[in-house]
Amino acid sequence: MKVLITGANGQLGHALQATAPTGVSIVATGSAQLDICDAAAVDALVAAERPDAIFNAAAYTAVDRAESEEALAACLNGDAVGNLARAAAKASARLVHVSTDFVFDGLSGIPYPPDAPTAPLGAYGRTKLKGELAAGPDALIVRTAWVYGSQGGNFVRTMLRLMAEREQVRVVADQIGTPTFAASLAEALWGLNAAGAKGIFHYTDSGAASWYDFAVAIQDRG
């Protein structure tokens, strides 16, 4: 099996490569190798490589900055997914796309089921929902939350840096989520792909914490 991974230089891209099953041939692309907003470039690469599956780990993830850069976020999180979906269909490849809990309003006190109504509150969530719709009904879409790993930008790496620089770090305690290790998510994606799954799934690690709880845990283990 040949798999094209976009966003290969990010935390999930690294994890996908590290956890790839035996026998999988990987074509790893970062933004320098493939601009996923360029439909012609996507078509050309997919036509040349003929992958069996495309794992889209590329995304615009700066949640707050997306409010002032929604057009860029919409390109990377929405239009680009459509480019990948169309190229995948032409090559008879499966598209595996990663989305987010930000497609919901966050007001529920219990976990959202995959078929819960979406209601994004900000630009980031809107653009990720646009990507889900662009992926199409034949894609495997996995929503996740609070992803962290040893690579890329994430809360754990930021906290470790700030804790090394400052005597005190202030972290909010009123936002609750489910921290998810990138390698765990990657293994789930590989497993769902191998099972031929399609449609929308939710995956996070077990447990829940506030950002403050998560920061305390990082300090204790750092």
N, C-alpha and C. Protein backbone atom coordinates (compact mmCIF):
# COMPACT_ATOMS: atom_id res chain seq x y z
N MET A 1 0.83 -1.20 0.00
CA MET A 1 0.00 0.00 0.00
C MET A 1 0.87 1.25 0.00
N LYS A 2 0.49 2.21 -0.84
CA LYS A 2 1.19 3.49 -0.87
C LYS A 2 0.28 4.57 -0.30
N VAL A 3 0.82 5.37 0.61
CA VAL A 3 0.04 6.43 1.26
C VAL A 3 0.75 7.76 1.10
N LEU A 4 0.02 8.75 0.64
CA LEU A 4 0.51 10.12 0.57
C LEU A 4 0.11 10.83 1.86
N ILE A 5 1.07 11.41 2.57
CA ILE A 5 0.80 12.15 3.79
C ILE A 5 1.09 13.63 3.53
N THR A 6 0.09 14.47 3.68
CA THR A 6 0.30 15.91 3.62
C THR A 6 0.53 16.41 5.05
N GLY A 7 1.19 17.56 5.16
CA GLY A 7 1.51 18.06 6.50
C GLY A 7 2.49 17.16 7.22
N ALA A 8 3.39 16.57 6.46
CA ALA A 8 4.29 15.55 7.02
C ALA A 8 5.28 16.09 8.04
N ASN A 9 5.50 17.39 8.04
CA ASN A 9 6.46 17.98 8.98
C ASN A 9 5.83 18.41 10.30
N GLY A 10 4.52 18.30 10.41
CA GLY A 10 3.84 18.67 11.64
C GLY A 10 3.81 17.53 12.64
N GLN A 11 3.22 17.77 13.80
CA GLN A 11 3.25 16.76 14.85
C GLN A 11 2.49 15.49 14.46
N LEU A 12 1.33 15.62 13.83
CA LEU A 12 0.60 14.43 13.40
C LEU A 12 1.29 13.78 12.21
N GLY A 13 1.82 14.58 11.29
CA GLY A 13 2.54 14.02 10.16
C GLY A 13 3.72 13.16 10.59
N HIS A 14 4.49 13.66 11.56
CA HIS A 14 5.59 12.88 12.10
C HIS A 14 5.09 11.58 12.74
N ALA A 15 4.00 11.69 13.50
CA ALA A 15 3.46 10.52 14.19
C ALA A 15 2.94 9.48 13.20
N LEU A 16 2.32 9.92 12.12
CA LEU A 16 1.84 8.99 11.11
C LEU A 16 3.00 8.21 10.48
N GLN A 17 4.09 8.91 10.22
CA GLN A 17 5.25 8.22 9.65
C GLN A 17 5.86 7.24 10.64
N ALA A 18 5.91 7.63 11.91
CA ALA A 18 6.54 6.78 12.93
C ALA A 18 5.71 5.54 13.25
N THR A 19 4.40 5.61 13.05
CA THR A 19 3.52 4.50 13.42
C THR A 19 2.98 3.74 12.21
N ALA A 20 3.50 4.02 11.03
CA ALA A 20 2.99 3.38 9.82
C ALA A 20 3.12 1.86 9.91
N PRO A 21 2.09 1.13 9.53
CA PRO A 21 2.15 -0.33 9.57
C PRO A 21 3.21 -0.88 8.61
N THR A 22 3.65 -2.06 8.90
CA THR A 22 4.62 -2.73 8.03
C THR A 22 4.02 -2.90 6.63
N GLY A 23 4.82 -2.63 5.64
CA GLY A 23 4.37 -2.81 4.27
C GLY A 23 3.78 -1.56 3.64
N VAL A 24 3.66 -0.49 4.40
CA VAL A 24 3.13 0.77 3.85
C VAL A 24 4.28 1.61 3.31
N SER A 25 4.16 2.01 2.06
CA SER A 25 5.12 2.92 1.43
C SER A 25 4.58 4.34 1.55
N ILE A 26 5.39 5.23 2.09
CA ILE A 26 4.91 6.58 2.38
C ILE A 26 5.54 7.60 1.45
N VAL A 27 4.71 8.48 0.92
CA VAL A 27 5.15 9.68 0.21
C VAL A 27 4.84 10.85 1.14
N ALA A 28 5.85 11.42 1.74
CA ALA A 28 5.66 12.47 2.75
C ALA A 28 5.87 13.84 2.13
N THR A 29 4.88 14.71 2.29
CA THR A 29 4.99 16.06 1.72
C THR A 29 4.67 17.11 2.78
N GLY A 30 5.53 18.10 2.86
CA GLY A 30 5.25 19.29 3.64
C GLY A 30 4.86 20.40 2.69
N SER A 31 4.70 21.60 3.21
CA SER A 31 4.28 22.72 2.37
C SER A 31 5.31 23.06 1.30
N ALA A 32 6.58 22.75 1.56
CA ALA A 32 7.62 23.03 0.57
C ALA A 32 7.52 22.10 -0.64
N GLN A 33 7.00 20.90 -0.41
CA GLN A 33 6.87 19.93 -1.51
C GLN A 33 5.52 20.01 -2.21
N LEU A 34 4.49 20.43 -1.48
CA LEU A 34 3.14 20.47 -2.07
C LEU A 34 2.31 21.56 -1.42
N ASP A 35 1.84 22.50 -2.23
CA ASP A 35 0.90 23.52 -1.79
C ASP A 35 -0.50 22.96 -2.01
N ILE A 36 -1.14 22.50 -0.95
CA ILE A 36 -2.43 21.84 -1.12
C ILE A 36 -3.54 22.81 -1.54
N CYS A 37 -3.28 24.11 -1.47
CA CYS A 37 -4.24 25.08 -1.99
C CYS A 37 -4.16 25.20 -3.51
N ASP A 38 -3.14 24.62 -4.10
CA ASP A 38 -2.94 24.65 -5.55
C ASP A 38 -3.52 23.37 -6.14
N ALA A 39 -4.70 23.47 -6.70
CA ALA A 39 -5.39 22.28 -7.20
C ALA A 39 -4.59 21.56 -8.29
N ALA A 40 -3.95 22.32 -9.17
CA ALA A 40 -3.18 21.71 -10.25
C ALA A 40 -1.99 20.93 -9.70
N ALA A 41 -1.32 21.50 -8.69
CA ALA A 41 -0.18 20.82 -8.08
C ALA A 41 -0.61 19.54 -7.39
N VAL A 42 -1.75 19.59 -6.70
CA VAL A 42 -2.27 18.40 -6.03
C VAL A 42 -2.60 17.32 -7.06
N ASP A 43 -3.29 17.71 -8.13
CA ASP A 43 -3.64 16.75 -9.18
C ASP A 43 -2.39 16.10 -9.78
N ALA A 44 -1.38 16.91 -10.04
CA ALA A 44 -0.16 16.40 -10.67
C ALA A 44 0.56 15.40 -9.77
N LEU A 45 0.69 15.73 -8.50
CA LEU A 45 1.41 14.83 -7.59
C LEU A 45 0.65 13.53 -7.38
N VAL A 46 -0.65 13.64 -7.17
CA VAL A 46 -1.44 12.43 -6.95
C VAL A 46 -1.46 11.55 -8.21
N ALA A 47 -1.55 12.17 -9.38
CA ALA A 47 -1.53 11.42 -10.63
C ALA A 47 -0.19 10.72 -10.82
N ALA A 48 0.89 11.37 -10.40
CA ALA A 48 2.23 10.79 -10.56
C ALA A 48 2.49 9.67 -9.56
N GLU A 49 2.04 9.84 -8.32
CA GLU A 49 2.34 8.86 -7.27
C GLU A 49 1.32 7.73 -7.19
N ARG A 50 0.09 7.99 -7.59
CA ARG A 50 -1.00 7.00 -7.55
C ARG A 50 -1.09 6.32 -6.18
N PRO A 51 -1.29 7.07 -5.11
CA PRO A 51 -1.39 6.46 -3.79
C PRO A 51 -2.71 5.70 -3.62
N ASP A 52 -2.70 4.75 -2.71
CA ASP A 52 -3.94 4.05 -2.37
C ASP A 52 -4.77 4.86 -1.40
N ALA A 53 -4.09 5.71 -0.63
CA ALA A 53 -4.79 6.57 0.34
C ALA A 53 -4.02 7.87 0.51
N ILE A 54 -4.76 8.91 0.84
CA ILE A 54 -4.17 10.21 1.15
C ILE A 54 -4.56 10.55 2.58
N PHE A 55 -3.57 10.73 3.44
CA PHE A 55 -3.82 11.15 4.81
C PHE A 55 -3.53 12.65 4.90
N ASN A 56 -4.56 13.44 5.13
CA ASN A 56 -4.37 14.89 5.20
C ASN A 56 -4.12 15.33 6.64
N ALA A 57 -2.85 15.52 6.97
CA ALA A 57 -2.47 16.02 8.29
C ALA A 57 -2.09 17.49 8.23
N ALA A 58 -2.32 18.13 7.10
CA ALA A 58 -2.01 19.55 6.94
C ALA A 58 -3.22 20.38 7.37
N ALA A 59 -2.96 21.49 8.03
CA ALA A 59 -4.07 22.35 8.47
C ALA A 59 -3.55 23.70 8.94
N TYR A 60 -4.42 24.68 8.91
CA TYR A 60 -4.19 25.95 9.59
C TYR A 60 -4.72 25.76 11.00
N THR A 61 -3.85 25.87 12.01
CA THR A 61 -4.26 25.52 13.38
C THR A 61 -4.18 26.68 14.38
N ALA A 62 -3.86 27.88 13.91
CA ALA A 62 -3.77 29.03 14.82
C ALA A 62 -5.18 29.55 15.08
N VAL A 63 -5.82 28.99 16.11
CA VAL A 63 -7.24 29.23 16.36
C VAL A 63 -7.56 30.73 16.50
N ASP A 64 -6.83 31.42 17.34
CA ASP A 64 -7.12 32.84 17.56
C ASP A 64 -6.80 33.69 16.34
N ARG A 65 -5.66 33.40 15.71
CA ARG A 65 -5.25 34.20 14.55
C ARG A 65 -6.18 34.00 13.35
N ALA A 66 -6.90 32.89 13.33
CA ALA A 66 -7.82 32.63 12.22
C ALA A 66 -8.90 33.70 12.12
N GLU A 67 -9.18 34.37 13.24
CA GLU A 67 -10.20 35.43 13.20
C GLU A 67 -9.79 36.57 12.29
N SER A 68 -8.50 36.82 12.15
CA SER A 68 -8.02 37.89 11.27
C SER A 68 -7.43 37.34 9.97
N GLU A 69 -7.33 36.02 9.86
CA GLU A 69 -6.78 35.39 8.66
C GLU A 69 -7.72 34.30 8.14
N GLU A 70 -9.01 34.59 8.17
CA GLU A 70 -9.98 33.54 7.83
C GLU A 70 -9.84 33.08 6.39
N ALA A 71 -9.47 33.98 5.48
CA ALA A 71 -9.32 33.58 4.08
C ALA A 71 -8.21 32.54 3.93
N LEU A 72 -7.09 32.77 4.61
CA LEU A 72 -5.98 31.80 4.56
C LEU A 72 -6.39 30.49 5.22
N ALA A 73 -7.03 30.59 6.39
CA ALA A 73 -7.48 29.39 7.08
C ALA A 73 -8.48 28.62 6.24
N ALA A 74 -9.37 29.33 5.55
CA ALA A 74 -10.38 28.68 4.72
C ALA A 74 -9.74 27.96 3.54
N CYS A 75 -8.65 28.52 3.03
CA CYS A 75 -7.95 27.87 1.93
C CYS A 75 -7.33 26.55 2.39
N LEU A 76 -6.58 26.61 3.49
CA LEU A 76 -5.86 25.43 3.98
C LEU A 76 -6.80 24.38 4.58
N ASN A 77 -7.82 24.84 5.30
CA ASN A 77 -8.71 23.91 6.00
C ASN A 77 -9.93 23.51 5.20
N GLY A 78 -10.24 24.28 4.17
CA GLY A 78 -11.45 24.02 3.40
C GLY A 78 -11.20 23.72 1.94
N ASP A 79 -10.78 24.73 1.19
CA ASP A 79 -10.58 24.56 -0.26
C ASP A 79 -9.57 23.46 -0.55
N ALA A 80 -8.49 23.41 0.22
CA ALA A 80 -7.44 22.42 -0.02
C ALA A 80 -7.96 21.00 0.15
N VAL A 81 -8.88 20.82 1.08
CA VAL A 81 -9.44 19.48 1.29
C VAL A 81 -10.24 19.06 0.07
N GLY A 82 -10.94 20.02 -0.52
CA GLY A 82 -11.64 19.74 -1.77
C GLY A 82 -10.69 19.34 -2.88
N ASN A 83 -9.54 20.01 -2.95
CA ASN A 83 -8.52 19.65 -3.95
C ASN A 83 -8.06 18.21 -3.75
N LEU A 84 -7.79 17.85 -2.49
CA LEU A 84 -7.34 16.49 -2.19
C LEU A 84 -8.43 15.47 -2.48
N ALA A 85 -9.67 15.80 -2.16
CA ALA A 85 -10.78 14.87 -2.39
C ALA A 85 -10.97 14.60 -3.88
N ARG A 86 -10.90 15.64 -4.68
CA ARG A 86 -11.08 15.45 -6.13
C ARG A 86 -9.92 14.66 -6.71
N ALA A 87 -8.70 14.95 -6.28
CA ALA A 87 -7.54 14.20 -6.78
C ALA A 87 -7.61 12.75 -6.33
N ALA A 88 -8.05 12.52 -5.10
CA ALA A 88 -8.18 11.15 -4.60
C ALA A 88 -9.20 10.37 -5.43
N ALA A 89 -10.32 11.01 -5.75
CA ALA A 89 -11.35 10.33 -6.53
C ALA A 89 -10.83 9.95 -7.91
N LYS A 90 -10.07 10.83 -8.53
CA LYS A 90 -9.51 10.53 -9.86
C LYS A 90 -8.55 9.35 -9.81
N ALA A 91 -7.82 9.21 -8.69
CA ALA A 91 -6.83 8.14 -8.55
C ALA A 91 -7.40 6.91 -7.86
N SER A 92 -8.71 6.92 -7.57
CA SER A 92 -9.37 5.82 -6.83
C SER A 92 -8.69 5.58 -5.49
N ALA A 93 -8.29 6.66 -4.84
CA ALA A 93 -7.64 6.60 -3.53
C ALA A 93 -8.63 7.02 -2.44
N ARG A 94 -8.37 6.55 -1.22
CA ARG A 94 -9.19 6.95 -0.08
C ARG A 94 -8.59 8.21 0.54
N LEU A 95 -9.48 9.11 0.97
CA LEU A 95 -9.04 10.31 1.66
C LEU A 95 -9.32 10.16 3.15
N VAL A 96 -8.27 10.34 3.95
CA VAL A 96 -8.39 10.32 5.40
C VAL A 96 -8.10 11.74 5.88
N HIS A 97 -9.10 12.37 6.47
CA HIS A 97 -8.99 13.78 6.82
C HIS A 97 -9.21 13.98 8.31
N VAL A 98 -8.40 14.84 8.93
CA VAL A 98 -8.47 15.09 10.37
C VAL A 98 -9.17 16.41 10.63
N SER A 99 -10.20 16.37 11.47
CA SER A 99 -10.94 17.58 11.82
C SER A 99 -10.88 17.80 13.33
N THR A 100 -11.80 18.56 13.86
CA THR A 100 -11.66 19.09 15.20
C THR A 100 -12.99 19.22 15.93
N ASP A 101 -12.92 19.26 17.26
CA ASP A 101 -14.12 19.52 18.06
C ASP A 101 -14.60 20.96 17.94
N PHE A 102 -13.80 21.83 17.34
CA PHE A 102 -14.21 23.23 17.17
C PHE A 102 -15.37 23.38 16.18
N VAL A 103 -15.78 22.30 15.52
CA VAL A 103 -16.97 22.39 14.67
C VAL A 103 -18.23 22.46 15.52
N PHE A 104 -18.10 22.22 16.83
CA PHE A 104 -19.22 22.33 17.76
C PHE A 104 -19.13 23.63 18.56
N ASP A 105 -20.19 23.95 19.30
CA ASP A 105 -20.19 25.19 20.08
C ASP A 105 -19.56 25.02 21.45
N GLY A 106 -19.25 23.79 21.86
CA GLY A 106 -18.58 23.56 23.14
C GLY A 106 -19.46 23.72 24.36
N LEU A 107 -20.76 23.81 24.18
CA LEU A 107 -21.66 24.05 25.31
C LEU A 107 -22.16 22.76 25.96
N SER A 108 -21.94 21.64 25.33
CA SER A 108 -22.43 20.38 25.88
C SER A 108 -21.59 19.95 27.08
N GLY A 109 -22.25 19.39 28.07
CA GLY A 109 -21.54 18.87 29.24
C GLY A 109 -21.15 17.43 29.10
N ILE A 110 -21.51 16.81 27.98
CA ILE A 110 -21.16 15.42 27.70
C ILE A 110 -20.52 15.35 26.31
N PRO A 111 -19.79 14.27 26.01
CA PRO A 111 -19.15 14.18 24.69
C PRO A 111 -20.16 14.25 23.55
N TYR A 112 -19.77 14.91 22.49
CA TYR A 112 -20.62 15.00 21.30
C TYR A 112 -20.55 13.70 20.49
N PRO A 113 -21.67 13.15 20.06
CA PRO A 113 -21.62 12.03 19.12
C PRO A 113 -21.30 12.55 17.72
N PRO A 114 -20.79 11.70 16.83
CA PRO A 114 -20.43 12.17 15.49
C PRO A 114 -21.57 12.81 14.71
N ASP A 115 -22.82 12.42 15.01
CA ASP A 115 -23.94 12.98 14.26
C ASP A 115 -24.58 14.19 14.94
N ALA A 116 -23.93 14.72 15.98
CA ALA A 116 -24.47 15.90 16.65
C ALA A 116 -24.45 17.10 15.70
N PRO A 117 -25.42 18.00 15.81
CA PRO A 117 -25.43 19.19 14.95
C PRO A 117 -24.18 20.04 15.19
N THR A 118 -23.60 20.51 14.11
CA THR A 118 -22.41 21.36 14.22
C THR A 118 -22.83 22.81 14.40
N ALA A 119 -22.01 23.57 15.11
CA ALA A 119 -22.31 24.99 15.35
C ALA A 119 -21.02 25.70 15.73
N PRO A 120 -20.07 25.84 14.81
CA PRO A 120 -18.80 26.49 15.14
C PRO A 120 -19.01 27.94 15.55
N LEU A 121 -18.23 28.36 16.54
CA LEU A 121 -18.37 29.72 17.08
C LEU A 121 -17.37 30.70 16.49
N GLY A 122 -16.32 30.20 15.84
CA GLY A 122 -15.28 31.08 15.34
C GLY A 122 -14.80 30.69 13.96
N ALA A 123 -13.87 31.47 13.46
CA ALA A 123 -13.37 31.28 12.10
C ALA A 123 -12.70 29.91 11.93
N TYR A 124 -11.90 29.52 12.91
CA TYR A 124 -11.21 28.23 12.81
C TYR A 124 -12.21 27.09 12.66
N GLY A 125 -13.22 27.06 13.52
CA GLY A 125 -14.23 26.01 13.44
C GLY A 125 -14.99 26.04 12.13
N ARG A 126 -15.30 27.25 11.65
CA ARG A 126 -16.01 27.36 10.37
C ARG A 126 -15.19 26.78 9.23
N THR A 127 -13.89 27.08 9.23
CA THR A 127 -13.06 26.59 8.12
C THR A 127 -12.85 25.08 8.20
N LYS A 128 -12.78 24.53 9.41
CA LYS A 128 -12.64 23.08 9.54
C LYS A 128 -13.93 22.37 9.12
N LEU A 129 -15.06 22.97 9.43
CA LEU A 129 -16.33 22.40 8.97
C LEU A 129 -16.41 22.45 7.44
N LYS A 130 -15.92 23.53 6.87
CA LYS A 130 -15.88 23.63 5.41
C LYS A 130 -15.06 22.48 4.83
N GLY A 131 -13.97 22.13 5.50
CA GLY A 131 -13.15 21.03 5.03
C GLY A 131 -13.86 19.69 5.11
N GLU A 132 -14.62 19.48 6.19
CA GLU A 132 -15.38 18.24 6.31
C GLU A 132 -16.36 18.09 5.15
N LEU A 133 -17.05 19.17 4.82
CA LEU A 133 -18.01 19.12 3.73
C LEU A 133 -17.30 18.89 2.40
N ALA A 134 -16.13 19.49 2.23
CA ALA A 134 -15.37 19.33 0.98
C ALA A 134 -14.80 17.93 0.83
N ALA A 135 -14.56 17.25 1.95
CA ALA A 135 -13.98 15.89 1.89
C ALA A 135 -14.93 14.92 1.22
N GLY A 136 -16.21 15.12 1.39
CA GLY A 136 -17.19 14.28 0.72
C GLY A 136 -17.57 13.04 1.50
N PRO A 137 -18.64 12.36 1.09
CA PRO A 137 -19.18 11.22 1.84
C PRO A 137 -18.32 9.97 1.83
N ASP A 138 -17.41 9.88 0.88
CA ASP A 138 -16.58 8.67 0.81
C ASP A 138 -15.31 8.77 1.64
N ALA A 139 -15.04 9.93 2.21
CA ALA A 139 -13.82 10.13 2.99
C ALA A 139 -13.99 9.58 4.41
N LEU A 140 -12.88 9.29 5.03
CA LEU A 140 -12.83 9.00 6.46
C LEU A 140 -12.46 10.31 7.16
N ILE A 141 -13.33 10.82 7.99
CA ILE A 141 -13.11 12.07 8.70
C ILE A 141 -13.04 11.76 10.19
N VAL A 142 -11.95 12.15 10.84
CA VAL A 142 -11.79 11.88 12.27
C VAL A 142 -11.61 13.21 13.00
N ARG A 143 -12.56 13.51 13.87
CA ARG A 143 -12.47 14.71 14.70
C ARG A 143 -11.71 14.38 15.98
N THR A 144 -10.86 15.29 16.40
CA THR A 144 -10.06 15.07 17.59
C THR A 144 -9.94 16.38 18.36
N ALA A 145 -9.12 16.38 19.43
CA ALA A 145 -9.00 17.59 20.25
C ALA A 145 -7.67 17.61 20.99
N TRP A 146 -7.15 18.80 21.22
CA TRP A 146 -6.00 19.06 22.09
C TRP A 146 -4.82 18.13 21.77
N VAL A 147 -4.46 18.07 20.51
CA VAL A 147 -3.38 17.15 20.09
C VAL A 147 -2.02 17.71 20.51
N TYR A 148 -1.18 16.83 21.01
CA TYR A 148 0.18 17.23 21.38
C TYR A 148 1.15 16.10 21.02
N GLY A 149 2.41 16.47 20.84
CA GLY A 149 3.44 15.49 20.52
C GLY A 149 4.81 16.11 20.70
N SER A 150 5.82 15.37 20.33
CA SER A 150 7.19 15.84 20.51
C SER A 150 7.63 16.77 19.39
N GLN A 151 6.83 16.86 18.32
CA GLN A 151 7.15 17.71 17.18
C GLN A 151 6.08 18.79 17.04
N GLY A 152 6.44 19.85 16.32
CA GLY A 152 5.46 20.88 15.99
C GLY A 152 5.09 21.77 17.16
N GLY A 153 4.16 22.67 16.91
CA GLY A 153 3.71 23.58 17.95
C GLY A 153 2.51 23.01 18.68
N ASN A 154 2.57 22.92 19.99
CA ASN A 154 1.45 22.42 20.77
C ASN A 154 1.58 22.91 22.21
N PHE A 155 0.55 22.68 23.00
CA PHE A 155 0.48 23.19 24.36
C PHE A 155 1.61 22.66 25.23
N VAL A 156 1.92 21.39 25.09
CA VAL A 156 2.97 20.79 25.93
C VAL A 156 4.31 21.45 25.66
N ARG A 157 4.68 21.60 24.42
CA ARG A 157 5.97 22.20 24.08
C ARG A 157 6.00 23.67 24.51
N THR A 158 4.87 24.36 24.36
CA THR A 158 4.81 25.76 24.78
C THR A 158 4.98 25.88 26.29
N MET A 159 4.29 25.02 27.04
CA MET A 159 4.39 25.07 28.50
C MET A 159 5.81 24.74 28.98
N LEU A 160 6.42 23.76 28.39
CA LEU A 160 7.78 23.40 28.79
C LEU A 160 8.74 24.57 28.55
N ARG A 161 8.53 25.27 27.43
CA ARG A 161 9.40 26.42 27.14
C ARG A 161 9.15 27.54 28.14
N LEU A 162 7.88 27.87 28.40
CA LEU A 162 7.56 28.95 29.32
C LEU A 162 7.98 28.63 30.75
N MET A 163 7.83 27.39 31.15
CA MET A 163 8.22 27.00 32.50
C MET A 163 9.73 27.09 32.70
N ALA A 164 10.47 26.91 31.62
CA ALA A 164 11.92 27.03 31.70
C ALA A 164 12.36 28.49 31.73
N GLU A 165 11.51 29.39 31.21
CA GLU A 165 11.86 30.80 31.11
C GLU A 165 11.35 31.64 32.28
N ARG A 166 10.25 31.21 32.91
CA ARG A 166 9.58 32.05 33.90
C ARG A 166 9.41 31.32 35.23
N GLU A 167 9.29 32.12 36.28
CA GLU A 167 9.01 31.54 37.59
C GLU A 167 7.55 31.16 37.73
N GLN A 168 6.66 31.91 37.07
CA GLN A 168 5.24 31.63 37.13
C GLN A 168 4.65 31.66 35.73
N VAL A 169 3.67 30.78 35.49
CA VAL A 169 2.95 30.75 34.22
C VAL A 169 1.46 30.73 34.53
N ARG A 170 0.71 31.62 33.95
CA ARG A 170 -0.73 31.69 34.19
C ARG A 170 -1.46 30.89 33.11
N VAL A 171 -2.38 30.01 33.54
CA VAL A 171 -3.12 29.15 32.61
C VAL A 171 -4.58 29.12 33.04
N VAL A 172 -5.50 29.22 32.09
CA VAL A 172 -6.92 29.23 32.41
C VAL A 172 -7.38 27.88 32.95
N ALA A 173 -8.37 27.91 33.81
CA ALA A 173 -8.87 26.68 34.43
C ALA A 173 -10.33 26.40 34.09
N ASP A 174 -10.94 27.23 33.23
CA ASP A 174 -12.37 27.09 32.94
C ASP A 174 -12.66 26.50 31.57
N GLN A 175 -11.64 25.98 30.89
CA GLN A 175 -11.83 25.31 29.61
C GLN A 175 -11.43 23.85 29.76
N ILE A 176 -12.37 22.95 29.46
CA ILE A 176 -12.16 21.53 29.68
C ILE A 176 -12.05 20.81 28.33
N GLY A 177 -11.10 19.89 28.24
CA GLY A 177 -10.94 19.14 27.00
C GLY A 177 -10.30 17.79 27.24
N THR A 178 -9.91 17.16 26.16
CA THR A 178 -9.34 15.80 26.23
C THR A 178 -7.98 15.79 25.51
N PRO A 179 -6.89 15.99 26.22
CA PRO A 179 -5.57 15.95 25.60
C PRO A 179 -5.35 14.62 24.86
N THR A 180 -4.81 14.71 23.65
CA THR A 180 -4.67 13.54 22.79
C THR A 180 -3.26 13.47 22.24
N PHE A 181 -2.56 12.40 22.54
CA PHE A 181 -1.19 12.20 22.08
C PHE A 181 -1.21 11.93 20.58
N ALA A 182 -0.36 12.62 19.83
CA ALA A 182 -0.36 12.51 18.37
C ALA A 182 -0.15 11.07 17.91
N ALA A 183 0.69 10.32 18.60
CA ALA A 183 0.93 8.93 18.21
C ALA A 183 -0.32 8.07 18.39
N SER A 184 -1.09 8.34 19.42
CA SER A 184 -2.35 7.60 19.64
C SER A 184 -3.33 7.89 18.51
N LEU A 185 -3.44 9.16 18.14
CA LEU A 185 -4.32 9.53 17.04
C LEU A 185 -3.85 8.89 15.74
N ALA A 186 -2.56 8.91 15.50
CA ALA A 186 -2.02 8.32 14.27
C ALA A 186 -2.35 6.83 14.18
N GLU A 187 -2.18 6.12 15.28
CA GLU A 187 -2.48 4.69 15.28
C GLU A 187 -3.97 4.44 15.02
N ALA A 188 -4.82 5.32 15.58
CA ALA A 188 -6.25 5.18 15.33
C ALA A 188 -6.57 5.41 13.85
N LEU A 189 -5.92 6.38 13.24
CA LEU A 189 -6.14 6.65 11.82
C LEU A 189 -5.71 5.47 10.96
N TRP A 190 -4.55 4.91 11.27
CA TRP A 190 -4.09 3.74 10.51
C TRP A 190 -5.08 2.58 10.67
N GLY A 191 -5.56 2.37 11.90
CA GLY A 191 -6.49 1.28 12.14
C GLY A 191 -7.81 1.46 11.43
N LEU A 192 -8.37 2.65 11.47
CA LEU A 192 -9.63 2.92 10.78
C LEU A 192 -9.47 2.79 9.27
N ASN A 193 -8.34 3.26 8.75
CA ASN A 193 -8.10 3.14 7.32
C ASN A 193 -8.01 1.67 6.91
N ALA A 194 -7.31 0.87 7.70
CA ALA A 194 -7.16 -0.56 7.39
C ALA A 194 -8.51 -1.27 7.42
N ALA A 195 -9.42 -0.79 8.26
CA ALA A 195 -10.74 -1.39 8.37
C ALA A 195 -11.69 -0.92 7.27
N GLY A 196 -11.23 0.01 6.44
CA GLY A 196 -12.07 0.52 5.37
C GLY A 196 -13.16 1.47 5.84
N ALA A 197 -12.96 2.07 7.00
CA ALA A 197 -13.99 2.95 7.57
C ALA A 197 -14.15 4.21 6.73
N LYS A 198 -15.36 4.72 6.68
CA LYS A 198 -15.61 6.02 6.06
C LYS A 198 -16.72 6.72 6.83
N GLY A 199 -16.87 8.00 6.59
CA GLY A 199 -17.79 8.79 7.38
C GLY A 199 -17.07 9.50 8.51
N ILE A 200 -17.82 9.99 9.48
CA ILE A 200 -17.26 10.80 10.56
C ILE A 200 -17.11 9.99 11.84
N PHE A 201 -15.91 10.05 12.42
CA PHE A 201 -15.61 9.39 13.68
C PHE A 201 -15.02 10.43 14.64
N HIS A 202 -15.13 10.15 15.94
CA HIS A 202 -14.49 10.97 16.96
C HIS A 202 -13.43 10.13 17.66
N TYR A 203 -12.24 10.73 17.86
CA TYR A 203 -11.19 10.03 18.59
C TYR A 203 -10.42 11.02 19.47
N THR A 204 -10.30 10.68 20.75
CA THR A 204 -9.37 11.36 21.66
C THR A 204 -8.84 10.30 22.62
N ASP A 205 -7.80 10.64 23.35
CA ASP A 205 -7.39 9.78 24.46
C ASP A 205 -8.46 9.88 25.56
N SER A 206 -8.42 8.95 26.50
CA SER A 206 -9.43 8.94 27.56
C SER A 206 -9.13 10.02 28.59
N GLY A 207 -10.14 10.35 29.38
CA GLY A 207 -9.97 11.34 30.43
C GLY A 207 -10.27 12.74 29.95
N ALA A 208 -10.30 13.66 30.90
CA ALA A 208 -10.55 15.07 30.59
C ALA A 208 -9.77 15.94 31.58
N ALA A 209 -9.48 17.16 31.17
CA ALA A 209 -8.71 18.07 32.03
C ALA A 209 -8.96 19.50 31.57
N SER A 210 -8.73 20.43 32.47
CA SER A 210 -8.69 21.83 32.08
C SER A 210 -7.29 22.13 31.57
N TRP A 211 -7.13 23.30 30.95
CA TRP A 211 -5.78 23.69 30.54
C TRP A 211 -4.87 23.79 31.77
N TYR A 212 -5.43 24.24 32.90
CA TYR A 212 -4.64 24.33 34.13
C TYR A 212 -4.21 22.94 34.59
N ASP A 213 -5.15 22.00 34.62
CA ASP A 213 -4.82 20.63 35.01
C ASP A 213 -3.72 20.06 34.12
N PHE A 214 -3.86 20.32 32.83
CA PHE A 214 -2.89 19.81 31.86
C PHE A 214 -1.52 20.43 32.13
N ALA A 215 -1.49 21.73 32.42
CA ALA A 215 -0.22 22.40 32.70
C ALA A 215 0.44 21.84 33.96
N VAL A 216 -0.37 21.56 34.99
CA VAL A 216 0.18 20.98 36.22
C VAL A 216 0.79 19.61 35.94
N ALA A 217 0.10 18.81 35.13
CA ALA A 217 0.62 17.50 34.78
C ALA A 217 1.94 17.61 34.01
N ILE A 218 2.00 18.59 33.12
CA ILE A 218 3.24 18.80 32.36
C ILE A 218 4.36 19.19 33.28
N GLN A 219 4.08 20.08 34.24
CA GLN A 219 5.11 20.49 35.22
C GLN A 219 5.58 19.29 36.03
N ASP A 220 4.64 18.45 36.47
CA ASP A 220 4.99 17.30 37.30
C ASP A 220 5.88 16.30 36.53
N ARG A 221 5.64 16.18 35.25
CA ARG A 221 6.39 15.22 34.45
C ARG A 221 7.59 15.84 33.75
N GLY A 222 7.64 17.19 33.73
CA GLY A 222 8.71 17.87 33.01
C GLY A 222 10.02 17.80 33.74
